[in-house]
PDB file of N, CA and C in Angstrom:
ATOM      1  N   MET A   1       0.846  -1.182   0.000  1.00  0.00           N
ATOM      2  CA  MET A   1       0.000   0.000   0.000  1.00  0.00           C
ATOM      3  C   MET A   1       0.891   1.245   0.000  1.00  0.00           C
ATOM      4  N   SER A   2       0.493   2.254  -0.748  1.00  0.00           N
ATOM      5  CA  SER A   2       1.266   3.494  -0.758  1.00  0.00           C
ATOM      6  C   SER A   2       0.504   4.568   0.023  1.00  0.00           C
ATOM      7  N   TYR A   3       1.281   5.481   0.573  1.00  0.00           N
ATOM      8  CA  TYR A   3       0.717   6.551   1.399  1.00  0.00           C
ATOM      9  C   TYR A   3       1.147   7.890   0.830  1.00  0.00           C
ATOM     10  N   ASP A   4       0.306   8.890   0.994  1.00  0.00           N
ATOM     11  CA  ASP A   4       0.596  10.244   0.541  1.00  0.00           C
ATOM     12  C   ASP A   4       1.431  10.936   1.620  1.00  0.00           C
ATOM     13  N   ILE A   5       2.739  10.777   1.523  1.00  0.00           N
ATOM     14  CA  ILE A   5       3.635  11.330   2.537  1.00  0.00           C
ATOM     15  C   ILE A   5       4.052  12.739   2.134  1.00  0.00           C
ATOM     16  N   GLN A   6       3.880  13.641   3.064  1.00  0.00           N
ATOM     17  CA  GLN A   6       4.215  15.050   2.852  1.00  0.00           C
ATOM     18  C   GLN A   6       5.471  15.401   3.641  1.00  0.00           C
ATOM     19  N   HIS A   7       6.312  16.235   3.051  1.00  0.00           N
ATOM     20  CA  HIS A   7       7.488  16.742   3.763  1.00  0.00           C
ATOM     21  C   HIS A   7       7.204  18.181   4.153  1.00  0.00           C
ATOM     22  N   GLN A   8       7.312  18.480   5.434  1.00  0.00           N
ATOM     23  CA  GLN A   8       7.178  19.848   5.932  1.00  0.00           C
ATOM     24  C   GLN A   8       8.561  20.283   6.420  1.00  0.00           C
ATOM     25  N   PRO A   9       9.382  20.840   5.514  1.00  0.00           N
ATOM     26  CA  PRO A   9      10.763  21.170   5.890  1.00  0.00           C
ATOM     27  C   PRO A   9      10.861  22.190   7.019  1.00  0.00           C
ATOM     28  N   ASN A  10       9.930  23.133   7.113  1.00  0.00           N
ATOM     29  CA  ASN A  10       9.989  24.127   8.194  1.00  0.00           C
ATOM     30  C   ASN A  10       9.758  23.491   9.559  1.00  0.00           C
ATOM     31  N   GLU A  11       8.972  22.414   9.603  1.00  0.00           N
ATOM     32  CA  GLU A  11       8.720  21.698  10.854  1.00  0.00           C
ATOM     33  C   GLU A  11       9.685  20.532  11.040  1.00  0.00           C
ATOM     34  N   ARG A  12      10.538  20.285  10.033  1.00  0.00           N
ATOM     35  CA  ARG A  12      11.456  19.146  10.055  1.00  0.00           C
ATOM     36  C   ARG A  12      10.671  17.857  10.323  1.00  0.00           C
ATOM     37  N   ARG A  13       9.717  17.587   9.419  1.00  0.00           N
ATOM     38  CA  ARG A  13       8.787  16.480   9.625  1.00  0.00           C
ATOM     39  C   ARG A  13       8.329  15.900   8.286  1.00  0.00           C
ATOM     40  N   PHE A  14       8.149  14.586   8.277  1.00  0.00           N
ATOM     41  CA  PHE A  14       7.441  13.893   7.207  1.00  0.00           C
ATOM     42  C   PHE A  14       6.170  13.363   7.849  1.00  0.00           C
ATOM     43  N   SER A  15       5.055  13.456   7.144  1.00  0.00           N
ATOM     44  CA  SER A  15       3.803  13.004   7.749  1.00  0.00           C
ATOM     45  C   SER A  15       2.842  12.471   6.696  1.00  0.00           C
ATOM     46  N   THR A  16       1.893  11.724   7.188  1.00  0.00           N
ATOM     47  CA  THR A  16       0.777  11.270   6.372  1.00  0.00           C
ATOM     48  C   THR A  16      -0.420  11.100   7.292  1.00  0.00           C
ATOM     49  N   SER A  17      -1.589  11.228   6.738  1.00  0.00           N
ATOM     50  CA  SER A  17      -2.818  11.024   7.498  1.00  0.00           C
ATOM     51  C   SER A  17      -3.501   9.769   6.963  1.00  0.00           C
ATOM     52  N   VAL A  18      -3.800   8.853   7.877  1.00  0.00           N
ATOM     53  CA  VAL A  18      -4.450   7.597   7.502  1.00  0.00           C
ATOM     54  C   VAL A  18      -5.649   7.419   8.436  1.00  0.00           C
ATOM     55  N   ASP A  19      -6.801   7.215   7.850  1.00  0.00           N
ATOM     56  CA  ASP A  19      -8.032   7.054   8.641  1.00  0.00           C
ATOM     57  C   ASP A  19      -8.187   8.202   9.643  1.00  0.00           C
ATOM     58  N   LEU A  20      -7.886   9.405   9.202  1.00  0.00           N
ATOM     59  CA  LEU A  20      -7.981  10.638   9.994  1.00  0.00           C
ATOM     60  C   LEU A  20      -6.992  10.698  11.157  1.00  0.00           C
ATOM     61  N   GLU A  21      -5.991   9.830  11.160  1.00  0.00           N
ATOM     62  CA  GLU A  21      -4.953   9.815  12.197  1.00  0.00           C
ATOM     63  C   GLU A  21      -3.646  10.319  11.593  1.00  0.00           C
ATOM     64  N   LEU A  22      -2.924  11.165  12.331  1.00  0.00           N
ATOM     65  CA  LEU A  22      -1.648  11.704  11.872  1.00  0.00           C
ATOM     66  C   LEU A  22      -0.513  10.764  12.244  1.00  0.00           C
ATOM     67  N   CYS A  23       0.313  10.447  11.266  1.00  0.00           N
ATOM     68  CA  CYS A  23       1.498   9.613  11.454  1.00  0.00           C
ATOM     69  C   CYS A  23       2.700  10.478  11.080  1.00  0.00           C
ATOM     70  N   VAL A  24       3.752  10.465  11.897  1.00  0.00           N
ATOM     71  CA  VAL A  24       4.853  11.406  11.669  1.00  0.00           C
ATOM     72  C   VAL A  24       6.233  10.769  11.850  1.00  0.00           C
ATOM     73  N   LEU A  25       7.187  11.407  11.201  1.00  0.00           N
ATOM     74  CA  LEU A  25       8.605  11.170  11.426  1.00  0.00           C
ATOM     75  C   LEU A  25       9.213  12.552  11.614  1.00  0.00           C
ATOM     76  N   ASP A  26       9.856  12.775  12.757  1.00  0.00           N
ATOM     77  CA  ASP A  26      10.497  14.050  13.048  1.00  0.00           C
ATOM     78  C   ASP A  26      12.004  13.911  12.921  1.00  0.00           C
ATOM     79  N   TYR A  27      12.656  14.992  12.511  1.00  0.00           N
ATOM     80  CA  TYR A  27      14.105  14.966  12.378  1.00  0.00           C
ATOM     81  C   TYR A  27      14.693  16.328  12.683  1.00  0.00           C
ATOM     82  N   THR A  28      15.999  16.337  12.901  1.00  0.00           N
ATOM     83  CA  THR A  28      16.749  17.584  13.005  1.00  0.00           C
ATOM     84  C   THR A  28      17.773  17.560  11.883  1.00  0.00           C
ATOM     85  N   LEU A  29      18.322  18.714  11.593  1.00  0.00           N
ATOM     86  CA  LEU A  29      19.328  18.837  10.548  1.00  0.00           C
ATOM     87  C   LEU A  29      20.497  19.607  11.124  1.00  0.00           C
ATOM     88  N   SER A  30      21.686  19.027  11.029  1.00  0.00           N
ATOM     89  CA  SER A  30      22.872  19.645  11.616  1.00  0.00           C
ATOM     90  C   SER A  30      23.988  19.733  10.584  1.00  0.00           C
ATOM     91  N   PRO A  31      24.652  20.881  10.533  1.00  0.00           N
ATOM     92  CA  PRO A  31      25.798  20.988   9.627  1.00  0.00           C
ATOM     93  C   PRO A  31      27.014  20.288  10.228  1.00  0.00           C
ATOM     94  N   THR A  32      27.791  19.650   9.390  1.00  0.00           N
ATOM     95  CA  THR A  32      29.063  19.057   9.797  1.00  0.00           C
ATOM     96  C   THR A  32      30.094  19.464   8.753  1.00  0.00           C
ATOM     97  N   PRO A  33      31.372  19.279   9.032  1.00  0.00           N
ATOM     98  CA  PRO A  33      32.390  19.628   8.035  1.00  0.00           C
ATOM     99  C   PRO A  33      32.209  18.893   6.707  1.00  0.00           C
ATOM    100  N   SER A  34      31.611  17.690   6.762  1.00  0.00           N
ATOM    101  CA  SER A  34      31.435  16.932   5.522  1.00  0.00           C
ATOM    102  C   SER A  34      30.039  17.085   4.912  1.00  0.00           C
ATOM    103  N   GLY A  35      29.193  17.930   5.481  1.00  0.00           N
ATOM    104  CA  GLY A  35      27.853  18.152   4.946  1.00  0.00           C
ATOM    105  C   GLY A  35      26.786  18.037   6.019  1.00  0.00           C
ATOM    106  N   GLU A  36      25.542  18.131   5.602  1.00  0.00           N
ATOM    107  CA  GLU A  36      24.421  18.077   6.539  1.00  0.00           C
ATOM    108  C   GLU A  36      24.165  16.648   7.021  1.00  0.00           C
ATOM    109  N   VAL A  37      23.720  16.541   8.275  1.00  0.00           N
ATOM    110  CA  VAL A  37      23.313  15.250   8.837  1.00  0.00           C
ATOM    111  C   VAL A  37      21.875  15.370   9.320  1.00  0.00           C
ATOM    112  N   MET A  38      21.030  14.499   8.800  1.00  0.00           N
ATOM    113  CA  MET A  38      19.640  14.388   9.250  1.00  0.00           C
ATOM    114  C   MET A  38      19.616  13.394  10.406  1.00  0.00           C
ATOM    115  N   THR A  39      19.171  13.838  11.567  1.00  0.00           N
ATOM    116  CA  THR A  39      18.999  12.932  12.697  1.00  0.00           C
ATOM    117  C   THR A  39      17.510  12.648  12.838  1.00  0.00           C
ATOM    118  N   ILE A  40      17.140  11.399  12.612  1.00  0.00           N
ATOM    119  CA  ILE A  40      15.740  10.997  12.769  1.00  0.00           C
ATOM    120  C   ILE A  40      15.509  10.791  14.257  1.00  0.00           C
ATOM    121  N   THR A  41      14.678  11.633  14.840  1.00  0.00           N
ATOM    122  CA  THR A  41      14.498  11.640  16.285  1.00  0.00           C
ATOM    123  C   THR A  41      13.266  10.883  16.764  1.00  0.00           C
ATOM    124  N   HIS A  42      12.266  10.737  15.896  1.00  0.00           N
ATOM    125  CA  HIS A  42      11.000  10.178  16.380  1.00  0.00           C
ATOM    126  C   HIS A  42      10.155   9.716  15.203  1.00  0.00           C
ATOM    127  N   THR A  43       9.590   8.547  15.336  1.00  0.00           N
ATOM    128  CA  THR A  43       8.607   8.042  14.374  1.00  0.00           C
ATOM    129  C   THR A  43       7.391   7.621  15.183  1.00  0.00           C
ATOM    130  N   GLU A  44       6.219   8.092  14.774  1.00  0.00           N
ATOM    131  CA  GLU A  44       5.011   7.769  15.540  1.00  0.00           C
ATOM    132  C   GLU A  44       3.851   7.414  14.618  1.00  0.00           C
ATOM    133  N   VAL A  45       3.289   6.248  14.885  1.00  0.00           N
ATOM    134  CA  VAL A  45       2.081   5.782  14.200  1.00  0.00           C
ATOM    135  C   VAL A  45       1.109   5.381  15.301  1.00  0.00           C
ATOM    136  N   PRO A  46      -0.108   5.932  15.313  1.00  0.00           N
ATOM    137  CA  PRO A  46      -1.074   5.570  16.351  1.00  0.00           C
ATOM    138  C   PRO A  46      -1.327   4.060  16.386  1.00  0.00           C
ATOM    139  N   PRO A  47      -1.505   3.502  17.586  1.00  0.00           N
ATOM    140  CA  PRO A  47      -1.679   2.042  17.733  1.00  0.00           C
ATOM    141  C   PRO A  47      -2.705   1.402  16.799  1.00  0.00           C
ATOM    142  N   PRO A  48      -3.863   2.031  16.536  1.00  0.00           N
ATOM    143  CA  PRO A  48      -4.815   1.354  15.647  1.00  0.00           C
ATOM    144  C   PRO A  48      -4.304   1.166  14.218  1.00  0.00           C
ATOM    145  N   LEU A  49      -3.237   1.914  13.848  1.00  0.00           N
ATOM    146  CA  LEU A  49      -2.715   1.852  12.481  1.00  0.00           C
ATOM    147  C   LEU A  49      -1.439   1.025  12.371  1.00  0.00           C
ATOM    148  N   GLU A  50      -0.938   0.531  13.487  1.00  0.00           N
ATOM    149  CA  GLU A  50       0.311  -0.228  13.460  1.00  0.00           C
ATOM    150  C   GLU A  50       0.163  -1.481  12.599  1.00  0.00           C
ATOM    151  N   GLY A  51       1.271  -1.892  12.011  1.00  0.00           N
ATOM    152  CA  GLY A  51       1.280  -3.101  11.202  1.00  0.00           C
ATOM    153  C   GLY A  51       0.877  -2.907   9.761  1.00  0.00           C
ATOM    154  N   ARG A  52       0.675  -1.677   9.337  1.00  0.00           N
ATOM    155  CA  ARG A  52       0.267  -1.403   7.957  1.00  0.00           C
ATOM    156  C   ARG A  52       1.428  -0.911   7.088  1.00  0.00           C
ATOM    157  N   GLY A  53       2.626  -0.827   7.662  1.00  0.00           N
ATOM    158  CA  GLY A  53       3.778  -0.370   6.890  1.00  0.00           C
ATOM    159  C   GLY A  53       3.909   1.135   6.798  1.00  0.00           C
ATOM    160  N   ILE A  54       3.170   1.850   7.636  1.00  0.00           N
ATOM    161  CA  ILE A  54       3.194   3.317   7.571  1.00  0.00           C
ATOM    162  C   ILE A  54       4.536   3.863   8.062  1.00  0.00           C
ATOM    163  N   ALA A  55       5.016   3.359   9.187  1.00  0.00           N
ATOM    164  CA  ALA A  55       6.309   3.831   9.703  1.00  0.00           C
ATOM    165  C   ALA A  55       7.415   3.527   8.700  1.00  0.00           C
ATOM    166  N   SER A  56       7.356   2.376   8.095  1.00  0.00           N
ATOM    167  CA  SER A  56       8.340   2.010   7.073  1.00  0.00           C
ATOM    168  C   SER A  56       8.311   2.993   5.909  1.00  0.00           C
ATOM    169  N   ALA A  57       7.121   3.341   5.459  1.00  0.00           N
ATOM    170  CA  ALA A  57       6.990   4.294   4.353  1.00  0.00           C
ATOM    171  C   ALA A  57       7.528   5.670   4.734  1.00  0.00           C
ATOM    172  N   LEU A  58       7.301   6.089   5.984  1.00  0.00           N
ATOM    173  CA  LEU A  58       7.820   7.377   6.445  1.00  0.00           C
ATOM    174  C   LEU A  58       9.350   7.378   6.464  1.00  0.00           C
ATOM    175  N   VAL A  59       9.939   6.307   6.993  1.00  0.00           N
ATOM    176  CA  VAL A  59      11.405   6.229   7.044  1.00  0.00           C
ATOM    177  C   VAL A  59      11.978   6.204   5.637  1.00  0.00           C
ATOM    178  N   LYS A  60      11.392   5.418   4.759  1.00  0.00           N
ATOM    179  CA  LYS A  60      11.887   5.350   3.383  1.00  0.00           C
ATOM    180  C   LYS A  60      11.811   6.712   2.713  1.00  0.00           C
ATOM    181  N   ALA A  61      10.716   7.433   2.899  1.00  0.00           N
ATOM    182  CA  ALA A  61      10.581   8.765   2.301  1.00  0.00           C
ATOM    183  C   ALA A  61      11.659   9.713   2.831  1.00  0.00           C
ATOM    184  N   ALA A  62      11.908   9.653   4.134  1.00  0.00           N
ATOM    185  CA  ALA A  62      12.933  10.518   4.731  1.00  0.00           C
ATOM    186  C   ALA A  62      14.314  10.167   4.197  1.00  0.00           C
ATOM    187  N   LEU A  63      14.619   8.876   4.110  1.00  0.00           N
ATOM    188  CA  LEU A  63      15.935   8.467   3.619  1.00  0.00           C
ATOM    189  C   LEU A  63      16.110   8.774   2.137  1.00  0.00           C
ATOM    190  N   ASP A  64      15.058   8.600   1.367  1.00  0.00           N
ATOM    191  CA  ASP A  64      15.138   8.965  -0.052  1.00  0.00           C
ATOM    192  C   ASP A  64      15.394  10.463  -0.207  1.00  0.00           C
ATOM    193  N   HIS A  65      14.747  11.260   0.615  1.00  0.00           N
ATOM    194  CA  HIS A  65      14.966  12.708   0.578  1.00  0.00           C
ATOM    195  C   HIS A  65      16.410  13.037   0.977  1.00  0.00           C
ATOM    196  N   ALA A  66      16.888  12.396   2.031  1.00  0.00           N
ATOM    197  CA  ALA A  66      18.271  12.625   2.465  1.00  0.00           C
ATOM    198  C   ALA A  66      19.246  12.286   1.339  1.00  0.00           C
ATOM    199  N   ARG A  67      19.007  11.187   0.657  1.00  0.00           N
ATOM    200  CA  ARG A  67      19.876  10.792  -0.457  1.00  0.00           C
ATOM    201  C   ARG A  67      19.840  11.849  -1.565  1.00  0.00           C
ATOM    202  N   GLU A  68      18.658  12.324  -1.902  1.00  0.00           N
ATOM    203  CA  GLU A  68      18.525  13.351  -2.944  1.00  0.00           C
ATOM    204  C   GLU A  68      19.290  14.626  -2.579  1.00  0.00           C
ATOM    205  N   GLN A  69      19.310  14.943  -1.284  1.00  0.00           N
ATOM    206  CA  GLN A  69      19.970  16.168  -0.822  1.00  0.00           C
ATOM    207  C   GLN A  69      21.465  15.982  -0.575  1.00  0.00           C
ATOM    208  N   GLY A  70      21.940  14.748  -0.592  1.00  0.00           N
ATOM    209  CA  GLY A  70      23.339  14.469  -0.303  1.00  0.00           C
ATOM    210  C   GLY A  70      23.654  14.477   1.187  1.00  0.00           C
ATOM    211  N   TRP A  71      22.633  14.253   2.026  1.00  0.00           N
ATOM    212  CA  TRP A  71      22.812  14.257   3.478  1.00  0.00           C
ATOM    213  C   TRP A  71      23.166  12.869   3.976  1.00  0.00           C
ATOM    214  N   LYS A  72      23.850  12.817   5.099  1.00  0.00           N
ATOM    215  CA  LYS A  72      24.032  11.584   5.852  1.00  0.00           C
ATOM    216  C   LYS A  72      22.899  11.519   6.878  1.00  0.00           C
ATOM    217  N   VAL A  73      22.686  10.340   7.459  1.00  0.00           N
ATOM    218  CA  VAL A  73      21.562  10.134   8.373  1.00  0.00           C
ATOM    219  C   VAL A  73      22.046   9.498   9.668  1.00  0.00           C
ATOM    220  N   ARG A  74      21.583  10.043  10.762  1.00  0.00           N
ATOM    221  CA  ARG A  74      21.814   9.458  12.085  1.00  0.00           C
ATOM    222  C   ARG A  74      20.442   8.998  12.602  1.00  0.00           C
ATOM    223  N   PRO A  75      20.185   7.682  12.626  1.00  0.00           N
ATOM    224  CA  PRO A  75      18.876   7.192  13.068  1.00  0.00           C
ATOM    225  C   PRO A  75      18.811   7.070  14.591  1.00  0.00           C
ATOM    226  N   ALA A  76      18.550   8.169  15.290  1.00  0.00           N
ATOM    227  CA  ALA A  76      18.437   8.149  16.749  1.00  0.00           C
ATOM    228  C   ALA A  76      17.165   7.425  17.197  1.00  0.00           C
ATOM    229  N   CYS A  77      16.173   7.417  16.375  1.00  0.00           N
ATOM    230  CA  CYS A  77      14.924   6.691  16.635  1.00  0.00           C
ATOM    231  C   CYS A  77      15.198   5.195  16.465  1.00  0.00           C
ATOM    232  N   SER A  78      14.803   4.388  17.432  1.00  0.00           N
ATOM    233  CA  SER A  78      15.091   2.953  17.371  1.00  0.00           C
ATOM    234  C   SER A  78      14.434   2.285  16.159  1.00  0.00           C
ATOM    235  N   TYR A  79      13.246   2.738  15.784  1.00  0.00           N
ATOM    236  CA  TYR A  79      12.586   2.144  14.617  1.00  0.00           C
ATOM    237  C   TYR A  79      13.387   2.436  13.356  1.00  0.00           C
ATOM    238  N   ALA A  80      13.801   3.697  13.167  1.00  0.00           N
ATOM    239  CA  ALA A  80      14.567   4.062  11.980  1.00  0.00           C
ATOM    240  C   ALA A  80      15.896   3.321  11.941  1.00  0.00           C
ATOM    241  N   ASN A  81      16.521   3.146  13.086  1.00  0.00           N
ATOM    242  CA  ASN A  81      17.790   2.428  13.155  1.00  0.00           C
ATOM    243  C   ASN A  81      17.598   0.970  12.724  1.00  0.00           C
ATOM    244  N   ALA A  82      16.573   0.326  13.253  1.00  0.00           N
ATOM    245  CA  ALA A  82      16.285  -1.064  12.878  1.00  0.00           C
ATOM    246  C   ALA A  82      15.926  -1.162  11.396  1.00  0.00           C
ATOM    247  N   TRP A  83      15.181  -0.193  10.888  1.00  0.00           N
ATOM    248  CA  TRP A  83      14.788  -0.192   9.476  1.00  0.00           C
ATOM    249  C   TRP A  83      16.026  -0.131   8.593  1.00  0.00           C
ATOM    250  N   MET A  84      16.957   0.741   8.940  1.00  0.00           N
ATOM    251  CA  MET A  84      18.180   0.854   8.134  1.00  0.00           C
ATOM    252  C   MET A  84      18.986  -0.443   8.175  1.00  0.00           C
ATOM    253  N   ARG A  85      19.032  -1.105   9.314  1.00  0.00           N
ATOM    254  CA  ARG A  85      19.762  -2.381   9.399  1.00  0.00           C
ATOM    255  C   ARG A  85      19.099  -3.445   8.518  1.00  0.00           C
ATOM    256  N   ARG A  86      17.772  -3.397   8.406  1.00  0.00           N
ATOM    257  CA  ARG A  86      17.048  -4.377   7.582  1.00  0.00           C
ATOM    258  C   ARG A  86      17.115  -4.055   6.089  1.00  0.00           C
ATOM    259  N   HIS A  87      17.548  -2.850   5.752  1.00  0.00           N
ATOM    260  CA  HIS A  87      17.623  -2.420   4.348  1.00  0.00           C
ATOM    261  C   HIS A  87      19.045  -1.950   4.043  1.00  0.00           C
ATOM    262  N   PRO A  88      19.934  -2.888   3.788  1.00  0.00           N
ATOM    263  CA  PRO A  88      21.347  -2.539   3.606  1.00  0.00           C
ATOM    264  C   PRO A  88      21.612  -1.577   2.449  1.00  0.00           C
ATOM    265  N   ASP A  89      20.677  -1.458   1.517  1.00  0.00           N
ATOM    266  CA  ASP A  89      20.869  -0.513   0.412  1.00  0.00           C
ATOM    267  C   ASP A  89      20.788   0.945   0.877  1.00  0.00           C
ATOM    268  N   TYR A  90      20.419   1.175   2.137  1.00  0.00           N
ATOM    269  CA  TYR A  90      20.399   2.534   2.698  1.00  0.00           C
ATOM    270  C   TYR A  90      21.535   2.763   3.699  1.00  0.00           C
ATOM    271  N   GLU A  91      22.317   1.730   3.996  1.00  0.00           N
ATOM    272  CA  GLU A  91      23.388   1.865   4.993  1.00  0.00           C
ATOM    273  C   GLU A  91      24.441   2.882   4.581  1.00  0.00           C
ATOM    274  N   ASP A  92      24.593   3.136   3.290  1.00  0.00           N
ATOM    275  CA  ASP A  92      25.577   4.121   2.846  1.00  0.00           C
ATOM    276  C   ASP A  92      25.233   5.530   3.337  1.00  0.00           C
ATOM    277  N   LEU A  93      23.994   5.741   3.748  1.00  0.00           N
ATOM    278  CA  LEU A  93      23.578   7.040   4.257  1.00  0.00           C
ATOM    279  C   LEU A  93      23.929   7.251   5.722  1.00  0.00           C
ATOM    280  N   ARG A  94      24.217   6.172   6.436  1.00  0.00           N
ATOM    281  CA  ARG A  94      24.444   6.253   7.875  1.00  0.00           C
ATOM    282  C   ARG A  94      25.650   7.129   8.182  1.00  0.00           C
ATOM    283  N   ALA A  95      25.436   8.104   9.066  1.00  0.00           N
ATOM    284  CA  ALA A  95      26.518   8.999   9.505  1.00  0.00           C
ATOM    285  C   ALA A  95      27.467   8.215  10.395  1.00  0.00           C
ATOM    286  N   GLY A  96      28.759   8.427  10.187  1.00  0.00           N
ATOM    287  CA  GLY A  96      29.768   7.689  10.957  1.00  0.00           C
ATOM    288  C   GLY A  96      30.052   8.242  12.306  1.00  0.00           C
TER     289      GLY A  96
END
């Protein structure tokens, strides 16, 4: 299933609404000598919506955006960290 994920750069957030419930991924952006680092700080999907792949879609959208921008990613959120470990094709984005 695909979701209409929106990026709100001013709020540093990716979000989608499913069944009138807001699902979000929050991040911060920090400059480093080698470029910007996106730190994924929080992923939240309301309990009634869990298991539908929404959090996965949010993380993928954020990582795809980071790749497009040339950013590295620090997955401080445990879900995002586990997602990156399960998808080795995104490990190149991980900030060292």
